[in-house]
Amino acid sequence: MEGLKKFLFRGNLVQLAVAVVVGAQFSALVTQFVKSFIDPLLALVGGNPNLSHLKFTIGEGKFLYGDFLSVALTFLISSLVVYFVLVAPMAKLISYLDRDQAATEKDCPHCLSQIPIKASRCAHCTQEVPVGV
């Protein structure tokens, strides 16, 4: 029982649970944004975005490929919205905030591994390295 308690209250498990809950809410937010704003814009350009009427039958089986196409298009549009509204601006913001940070590591001229700037000897290949180079 003690092991179970340690497992349940470990920080990683709590962080994972929070990430799943936030991720589910974020997914709902993106889906609603696409439904509310992007789908109507696409309907203005290309007509009705609902493809659920597309299907074919073989014998007794009905293959509703229109529903799949609708979900695939929603996924594609949602991915594009997330990328252009969140990922690209955040990457630009992070690069803007990191531009003034001084370098803390340099390449070893012998083995090309990363070592601290003030190191006089490489920790990987043990060769002497000029300080400040």
Protein backbone atom coordinates (compact mmCIF):
# COMPACT_ATOMS: atom_id res chain seq x y z
CA MET A 1 0.00 0.00 0.00
CA GLU A 2 2.93 2.35 0.71
CA GLY A 3 4.27 1.91 -2.81
CA LEU A 4 0.90 2.80 -4.30
CA LYS A 5 0.73 5.96 -2.21
CA LYS A 6 4.24 6.98 -3.34
CA PHE A 7 3.30 6.34 -6.96
CA LEU A 8 0.05 8.33 -6.76
CA PHE A 9 1.58 11.33 -5.05
CA ARG A 10 4.74 11.48 -7.12
CA GLY A 11 5.11 14.87 -8.82
CA ASN A 12 5.30 13.45 -12.34
CA LEU A 13 1.91 11.76 -12.05
CA VAL A 14 0.26 14.94 -10.82
CA GLN A 15 1.88 16.94 -13.62
CA LEU A 16 0.69 14.39 -16.16
CA ALA A 17 -2.86 14.55 -14.81
CA VAL A 18 -2.85 18.35 -15.01
CA ALA A 19 -1.45 18.19 -18.57
CA VAL A 20 -4.21 15.78 -19.66
CA VAL A 21 -6.96 17.97 -18.19
CA VAL A 22 -5.52 21.17 -19.67
CA GLY A 23 -4.95 19.40 -22.99
CA ALA A 24 -8.56 18.24 -23.14
CA GLN A 25 -9.80 21.75 -22.41
CA PHE A 26 -7.43 23.21 -24.99
CA SER A 27 -8.69 20.70 -27.55
CA ALA A 28 -12.27 21.80 -26.85
CA LEU A 29 -11.21 25.44 -27.20
CA VAL A 30 -9.52 24.89 -30.56
CA THR A 31 -12.44 22.81 -31.85
CA GLN A 32 -14.93 25.51 -30.88
CA PHE A 33 -12.75 28.23 -32.43
CA VAL A 34 -12.66 26.33 -35.72
CA LYS A 35 -16.43 25.73 -35.62
CA SER A 36 -17.23 29.34 -34.71
CA PHE A 37 -14.82 31.24 -36.95
CA ILE A 38 -12.98 29.12 -39.50
CA ASP A 39 -15.85 26.93 -40.77
CA PRO A 40 -18.11 29.93 -41.54
CA LEU A 41 -15.24 31.57 -43.44
CA LEU A 42 -14.73 28.39 -45.45
CA ALA A 43 -18.48 28.17 -46.08
CA LEU A 44 -18.38 31.67 -47.59
CA VAL A 45 -15.66 30.57 -50.00
CA GLY A 46 -16.53 26.98 -50.79
CA GLY A 47 -20.11 26.34 -49.75
CA ASN A 48 -21.29 23.83 -47.14
CA PRO A 49 -18.34 22.20 -45.32
CA ASN A 50 -20.48 19.24 -44.17
CA LEU A 51 -19.51 16.12 -46.12
CA SER A 52 -21.52 13.58 -44.10
CA HIS A 53 -23.80 12.82 -47.07
CA LEU A 54 -20.92 11.16 -48.96
CA LYS A 55 -21.04 7.36 -48.74
CA PHE A 56 -20.92 4.19 -50.79
CA THR A 57 -22.27 0.71 -50.23
CA ILE A 58 -20.92 -2.74 -50.95
CA GLY A 59 -23.51 -5.42 -50.35
CA GLU A 60 -25.06 -4.69 -46.96
CA GLY A 61 -22.21 -2.49 -45.72
CA LYS A 62 -22.35 1.31 -45.80
CA PHE A 63 -19.05 3.14 -45.92
CA LEU A 64 -19.50 6.68 -44.61
CA TYR A 65 -16.30 8.19 -45.97
CA GLY A 66 -17.82 11.70 -45.87
CA ASP A 67 -17.74 11.67 -42.06
CA PHE A 68 -14.08 10.68 -42.16
CA LEU A 69 -13.30 13.45 -44.64
CA SER A 70 -15.08 15.99 -42.42
CA VAL A 71 -13.05 14.94 -39.38
CA ALA A 72 -9.81 14.89 -41.41
CA LEU A 73 -10.46 18.40 -42.73
CA THR A 74 -11.32 19.62 -39.22
CA PHE A 75 -8.06 18.12 -37.95
CA LEU A 76 -6.07 19.76 -40.73
CA ILE A 77 -7.69 23.15 -40.22
CA SER A 78 -7.32 22.91 -36.43
CA SER A 79 -3.64 22.04 -36.80
CA LEU A 80 -3.08 25.02 -39.08
CA VAL A 81 -4.91 27.34 -36.68
CA VAL A 82 -2.89 26.09 -33.69
CA TYR A 83 0.36 26.47 -35.61
CA PHE A 84 -0.25 29.96 -36.96
CA VAL A 85 -2.05 31.36 -33.90
CA LEU A 86 0.05 29.78 -31.13
CA VAL A 87 3.20 27.90 -32.16
CA ALA A 88 4.71 30.37 -34.63
CA PRO A 89 4.10 33.50 -32.49
CA MET A 90 5.41 31.73 -29.35
CA ALA A 91 8.57 30.62 -31.17
CA LYS A 92 9.13 34.19 -32.33
CA LEU A 93 8.52 35.52 -28.80
CA ILE A 94 10.92 33.01 -27.26
CA SER A 95 13.64 33.83 -29.78
CA TYR A 96 13.06 37.54 -29.11
CA LEU A 97 13.39 37.06 -25.33
CA ASP A 98 16.48 34.82 -25.66
CA ARG A 99 18.41 37.09 -28.03
CA ASP A 100 20.27 38.98 -25.28
CA GLN A 101 21.46 35.97 -23.29
CA ALA A 102 25.19 35.44 -23.26
CA ALA A 103 26.54 32.08 -24.36
CA THR A 104 27.48 29.74 -21.51
CA GLU A 105 29.05 26.97 -23.59
CA LYS A 106 31.45 26.63 -26.50
CA ASP A 107 32.56 23.85 -28.83
CA CYS A 108 35.73 21.94 -28.01
CA PRO A 109 38.06 22.43 -31.01
CA HIS A 110 39.22 18.79 -30.74
CA CYS A 111 36.05 16.73 -30.30
CA LEU A 112 33.35 19.38 -30.98
CA SER A 113 31.40 18.60 -27.80
CA GLN A 114 29.86 21.39 -25.73
CA ILE A 115 31.94 22.60 -22.76
CA PRO A 116 31.63 25.59 -20.40
CA ILE A 117 33.15 28.82 -21.72
CA LYS A 118 35.63 29.11 -18.82
CA ALA A 119 36.85 25.50 -19.12
CA SER A 120 40.55 25.02 -19.75
CA ARG A 121 40.24 21.28 -20.44
CA CYS A 122 37.51 19.37 -22.27
CA ALA A 123 35.53 16.99 -20.04
CA HIS A 124 34.94 14.63 -22.95
CA CYS A 125 38.30 14.26 -24.69
CA THR A 126 40.49 15.75 -21.89
CA GLN A 127 42.42 17.96 -24.32
CA GLU A 128 43.54 21.39 -23.21
CA VAL A 129 41.36 24.17 -24.59
CA PRO A 130 42.38 27.84 -24.69
CA VAL A 131 40.22 29.81 -22.26
CA GLY A 132 37.89 32.26 -23.96
CA VAL A 133 38.08 30.58 -27.38
